[in-house]
Every structure is written in structure tokens, then in C-alpha cells.
Amino acid sequence: MKTLLTRPIRNIQSNILAGILTIGPLFVTFLVFHFLFHTLAEAGLPVVRFLATNYPQLWLTQSWLQPVLAIVLTLALLYITGRVTSLVIGRQAFRLFEAVLARLPFVAKVYTSVRQLLDTMMAKKESSQRVVLVDFPIAGQKCVGFLTRVMVDEATGAQLASVLLPNAINPTSAILQILPLDKVTETDLTMEQAMSMLMTGGAVCPATIRYGAPEASSSLKPATGGIDS
């Protein structure tokens, strides 16, 4: 009896696994874009609803159309903001705005930290930002991280690495680890490759990666573009 049931059960298990491997990347991609579109829609919906209230046109009051208009409006606002700040006058105005924020005690600390973090994460491979692997949560299990700064232990003089470990699928949430520099494995991954791995839960990743124990961790030069305390 067991022999008769073994083959059908294995066949069902293999088909379910094949289905997971097929649907998994699509589901992760859906979650990522759903999160992005939902965020963009939530940002623009108040304006669209305000327009629908004051200008009750038929096409503005359509419930299915309002999120689409909100996304388009948010993207347009982001484009205009980026375009304006890329101009000389826009950059000067933005610096003035940042100078005003710098005078607000709590807001200045939060804004400056987030700003420096984003600038560091968007830096090129040749700059201070590097994609690394560290043992986390236990030894032998590697986690993708971003080496943001190299510091020195004032007691021993040993070099310490400041590594940001983003969560998969939702890399906006992360933890910060301070660990010995020789425990960091530097990779040849680009920022784009690392972000693709994180956003897709590893479904999109390079064919090869440097995983072994670091042989020349001392070659990691101190990062000068990290977040100062």
C-alpha cells in the first residue's frame, strides 16, 4: 500500500515545488510593484480627491481612475522636483531649504542622517559604498550588506566596519552592524545587482558571487563618505 502511494505523493510534491519555483519570482515582483504603486497612489490621492470635490467632473469621480491619476501626479511631481533641483537656481533654493531644516534640532538630525544614508546607498562602486557579505544571523550564513564606513577601535586600534544590512523585499528597513573589518567579505556586486537581489528575494541575482572567507580584508580602504556621528 505504501509503495502504491509513494510515487503519486512524490509526483504531487515535485509539481507543487515546480509551481512554487515558477510563481515565486512573479509573486515577489508583484509584491514589490504593489508596494511601490500603493505608496505613489497614497501620496497623490489627497490632491486628486480635492480636485474631485471642487471639480466634480465625471472622470475625476471614478473610483478606479483616482489611484491611476494619483500615481501619475506623484510621478510628475517627482520629475519636476528632480528637474528643478538639477538647475542652478533649483540647487541654490534646495540648499537654502536644507539650511532652514538644519536649524530645527530634531528634524535636522533625522533629515541629515537619512540624506547621508541615501547618498551613500546611491554612490557608485568606485566610491566609499561597497556591497559586502557578513556572517548573519549566525556564523556560516552570509547576509548582503553595504559597507558604509570604516572606523578604528580607540582601545585596540583595530579597524571596524560599519555595515548596513537591509531586509529582503523591503530594503527600507535595515539594521546596522559594527564588526571587525576582517569579518567582512567584499564582493564585486554592483549596487544595482545587490538591490535587485534584495527586492526580488534572491530571484534575480548574478550567476557567481564571492562567498569564501575574505583573504585581503585589509585591502578595504577606510570609507570617507559614510555617515558621521
Protein backbone atom coordinates (compact mmCIF):
# COMPACT_ATOMS: atom_id res chain seq x y z
CA MET A 1 0.00 0.00 0.00
CA LYS A 2 2.79 2.38 0.91
CA THR A 3 4.59 1.55 -2.34
CA LEU A 4 1.50 2.41 -4.34
CA LEU A 5 1.12 5.78 -2.61
CA THR A 6 4.80 6.79 -2.62
CA ARG A 7 5.02 7.62 -6.34
CA PRO A 8 1.83 9.75 -6.52
CA ILE A 9 2.86 11.64 -3.37
CA ARG A 10 6.31 12.35 -4.77
CA ASN A 11 4.75 13.43 -8.05
CA ILE A 12 2.44 15.84 -6.22
CA GLN A 13 5.32 17.21 -4.15
CA SER A 14 7.52 17.77 -7.21
CA ASN A 15 4.71 19.52 -9.07
CA ILE A 16 3.95 21.76 -6.08
CA LEU A 17 7.65 22.62 -5.79
CA ALA A 18 7.81 23.37 -9.52
CA GLY A 19 4.77 25.61 -9.11
CA ILE A 20 6.41 27.47 -6.23
CA LEU A 21 9.59 28.00 -8.24
CA THR A 22 7.51 29.32 -11.14
CA ILE A 23 5.10 31.52 -9.23
CA GLY A 24 7.54 32.63 -6.51
CA PRO A 25 9.51 35.22 -8.54
CA LEU A 26 6.28 36.51 -10.10
CA PHE A 27 4.68 36.84 -6.67
CA VAL A 28 7.69 38.66 -5.24
CA THR A 29 7.73 41.01 -8.25
CA PHE A 30 4.01 41.65 -7.73
CA LEU A 31 4.58 42.47 -4.06
CA VAL A 32 7.38 44.92 -4.89
CA PHE A 33 5.39 46.77 -7.54
CA HIS A 34 2.24 46.67 -5.43
CA PHE A 35 4.14 48.34 -2.60
CA LEU A 36 5.59 50.99 -4.94
CA PHE A 37 2.31 51.78 -6.68
CA HIS A 38 0.39 51.80 -3.40
CA THR A 39 2.88 54.28 -1.94
CA LEU A 40 2.73 56.51 -5.01
CA ALA A 41 -1.09 56.39 -5.04
CA GLU A 42 -1.37 57.21 -1.33
CA ALA A 43 0.89 60.24 -1.84
CA GLY A 44 -1.23 61.68 -4.66
CA LEU A 45 -4.75 60.67 -3.61
CA PRO A 46 -5.41 63.68 -1.33
CA VAL A 47 -4.82 66.06 -4.24
CA VAL A 48 -6.96 64.00 -6.62
CA ARG A 49 -9.80 63.83 -4.10
CA PHE A 50 -9.54 67.57 -3.50
CA LEU A 51 -9.86 68.17 -7.24
CA ALA A 52 -12.77 65.72 -7.48
CA THR A 53 -14.58 67.54 -4.66
CA ASN A 54 -14.12 71.01 -6.11
CA TYR A 55 -14.45 70.00 -9.77
CA PRO A 56 -16.96 67.12 -9.76
CA GLN A 57 -16.27 66.02 -13.28
CA LEU A 58 -17.42 62.51 -14.13
CA TRP A 59 -13.93 61.25 -14.96
CA LEU A 60 -12.46 62.66 -11.72
CA THR A 61 -15.02 60.90 -9.53
CA GLN A 62 -14.36 57.43 -10.93
CA SER A 63 -13.00 55.33 -8.05
CA TRP A 64 -10.88 53.12 -10.32
CA LEU A 65 -9.35 56.12 -12.07
CA GLN A 66 -8.38 58.12 -8.99
CA PRO A 67 -5.43 55.86 -7.97
CA VAL A 68 -4.09 55.99 -11.54
CA LEU A 69 -4.29 59.78 -11.57
CA ALA A 70 -2.67 59.88 -8.13
CA ILE A 71 0.29 57.78 -9.36
CA VAL A 72 0.71 59.94 -12.46
CA LEU A 73 0.51 63.10 -10.36
CA THR A 74 3.11 61.81 -7.88
CA LEU A 75 5.50 60.75 -10.66
CA ALA A 76 5.05 64.14 -12.33
CA LEU A 77 5.82 65.89 -9.04
CA LEU A 78 8.95 63.78 -8.53
CA TYR A 79 10.09 64.53 -12.09
CA ILE A 80 9.51 68.26 -11.69
CA THR A 81 11.31 68.26 -8.34
CA GLY A 82 14.30 66.42 -9.80
CA ARG A 83 14.34 68.67 -12.84
CA VAL A 84 14.20 71.87 -10.80
CA THR A 85 16.89 70.76 -8.34
CA SER A 86 19.18 69.86 -11.24
CA LEU A 87 19.21 73.51 -12.32
CA VAL A 88 21.48 76.09 -10.71
CA ILE A 89 18.62 78.12 -9.25
CA GLY A 90 16.93 74.96 -8.03
CA ARG A 91 20.09 73.73 -6.32
CA GLN A 92 20.54 77.07 -4.58
CA ALA A 93 16.93 77.06 -3.42
CA PHE A 94 17.28 73.49 -2.18
CA ARG A 95 20.45 74.38 -0.25
CA LEU A 96 18.54 77.26 1.35
CA PHE A 97 15.76 74.85 2.28
CA GLU A 98 18.30 72.45 3.83
CA ALA A 99 19.86 75.33 5.75
CA VAL A 100 16.46 76.09 7.25
CA LEU A 101 15.99 72.44 8.21
CA ALA A 102 19.44 72.44 9.82
CA ARG A 103 18.17 74.98 12.37
CA LEU A 104 15.45 72.61 13.59
CA PRO A 105 17.08 70.45 16.29
CA PHE A 106 15.32 67.08 15.97
CA VAL A 107 14.29 67.43 12.32
CA ALA A 108 17.84 68.36 11.31
CA LYS A 109 19.31 65.21 12.88
CA VAL A 110 16.79 62.88 11.25
CA TYR A 111 16.89 64.59 7.86
CA THR A 112 20.71 64.76 7.75
CA SER A 113 21.05 61.08 8.68
CA VAL A 114 18.52 59.94 6.07
CA ARG A 115 20.03 62.22 3.44
CA GLN A 116 23.55 60.92 4.03
CA LEU A 117 22.29 57.35 4.06
CA LEU A 118 20.53 57.72 0.71
CA ASP A 119 23.55 59.48 -0.81
CA THR A 120 25.77 56.66 0.41
CA MET A 121 23.49 53.91 -0.88
CA MET A 122 23.24 55.60 -4.30
CA ALA A 123 27.01 56.03 -4.58
CA LYS A 124 28.94 54.28 -7.32
CA LYS A 125 31.01 51.18 -6.81
CA GLU A 126 34.26 53.14 -7.05
CA SER A 127 33.31 55.37 -4.14
CA SER A 128 33.05 54.61 -0.44
CA GLN A 129 29.94 52.45 -0.85
CA ARG A 130 30.64 48.73 -1.30
CA VAL A 131 28.49 45.64 -1.32
CA VAL A 132 29.77 43.08 1.18
CA LEU A 133 28.80 39.83 2.87
CA VAL A 134 28.86 39.31 6.63
CA ASP A 135 28.04 36.37 8.87
CA PHE A 136 24.44 36.94 9.98
CA PRO A 137 22.42 35.82 11.85
CA ILE A 138 24.92 33.05 12.70
CA ALA A 139 28.40 32.10 11.53
CA GLY A 140 28.36 30.35 8.16
CA GLN A 141 25.23 32.14 6.93
CA LYS A 142 26.01 35.19 4.82
CA CYS A 143 23.91 38.33 4.61
CA VAL A 144 24.16 41.01 1.92
CA GLY A 145 25.14 44.37 3.35
CA PHE A 146 26.50 47.78 2.43
CA LEU A 147 29.80 48.83 3.94
CA THR A 148 29.22 52.49 4.70
CA ARG A 149 32.27 53.36 6.75
CA VAL A 150 35.49 52.01 8.25
CA MET A 151 36.32 53.14 11.78
CA VAL A 152 39.08 52.49 14.31
CA ASP A 153 38.63 50.99 17.76
CA GLU A 154 40.12 53.59 20.09
CA ALA A 155 41.04 50.91 22.64
CA THR A 156 42.85 48.42 20.40
CA GLY A 157 43.44 50.34 17.17
CA ALA A 158 41.69 47.58 15.19
CA GLN A 159 39.68 48.55 12.14
CA LEU A 160 35.92 48.21 12.44
CA ALA A 161 33.38 48.12 9.64
CA SER A 162 30.01 49.85 9.73
CA VAL A 163 27.72 47.62 7.65
CA LEU A 164 24.07 48.29 6.86
CA LEU A 165 22.01 45.10 6.46
CA PRO A 166 18.75 45.81 4.57
CA ASN A 167 15.83 43.41 4.79
CA ALA A 168 14.87 41.49 1.67
CA ILE A 169 11.72 42.61 -0.19
CA ASN A 170 11.58 45.75 2.00
CA PRO A 171 15.12 47.20 1.98
CA THR A 172 13.87 50.46 3.52
CA SER A 173 14.05 48.60 6.85
CA ALA A 174 17.53 47.58 7.96
CA ILE A 175 19.86 47.03 10.88
CA LEU A 176 23.33 48.46 11.41
CA GLN A 177 26.21 46.24 12.50
CA ILE A 178 29.63 47.26 13.77
CA LEU A 179 32.05 44.38 13.36
CA PRO A 180 35.77 43.73 12.81
CA LEU A 181 36.88 44.54 9.30
CA ASP A 182 38.42 41.10 8.82
CA LYS A 183 34.95 39.57 9.24
CA VAL A 184 33.71 41.37 6.13
CA THR A 185 33.80 39.68 2.73
CA GLU A 186 33.96 42.23 -0.06
CA THR A 187 32.12 41.30 -3.26
CA ASP A 188 32.26 42.52 -6.82
CA LEU A 189 28.50 43.13 -6.87
CA THR A 190 27.25 46.49 -8.06
CA MET A 191 24.65 48.46 -6.14
CA GLU A 192 22.07 47.65 -8.82
CA GLN A 193 22.75 43.91 -8.55
CA ALA A 194 22.52 43.98 -4.76
CA MET A 195 19.26 45.94 -4.79
CA SER A 196 17.81 43.55 -7.38
CA MET A 197 18.69 40.60 -5.15
CA LEU A 198 17.06 42.24 -2.14
CA MET A 199 13.93 43.46 -3.91
CA THR A 200 13.27 40.06 -5.53
CA GLY A 201 14.23 37.92 -2.56
CA GLY A 202 17.19 36.48 -4.46
CA ALA A 203 15.17 35.53 -7.55
CA VAL A 204 17.30 37.94 -9.59
CA CYS A 205 20.98 37.52 -8.84
CA PRO A 206 24.30 37.06 -10.67
CA ALA A 207 25.50 33.61 -11.65
CA THR A 208 28.59 33.86 -9.43
CA ILE A 209 29.43 35.64 -6.20
CA ARG A 210 32.48 35.86 -3.94
CA TYR A 211 31.33 33.89 -0.90
CA GLY A 212 34.51 32.45 0.59
CA ALA A 213 36.38 33.76 3.60
CA PRO A 214 38.00 37.16 3.00
CA GLU A 215 41.63 36.85 2.02
CA ALA A 216 42.53 40.51 1.90
CA SER A 217 40.14 42.36 4.13
CA SER A 218 42.91 44.84 4.90
CA SER A 219 42.60 45.98 1.28
CA LEU A 220 39.27 47.55 2.23
CA LYS A 221 40.26 51.17 2.49
CA PRO A 222 38.50 53.39 5.00
CA ALA A 223 35.25 54.78 3.59
CA THR A 224 35.21 58.53 3.79
CA GLY A 225 31.67 59.06 2.57
CA GLY A 226 29.79 57.31 5.35
CA ILE A 227 27.52 58.71 8.00
CA ASP A 228 29.35 60.70 10.65
CA SER A 229 28.08 60.59 14.17
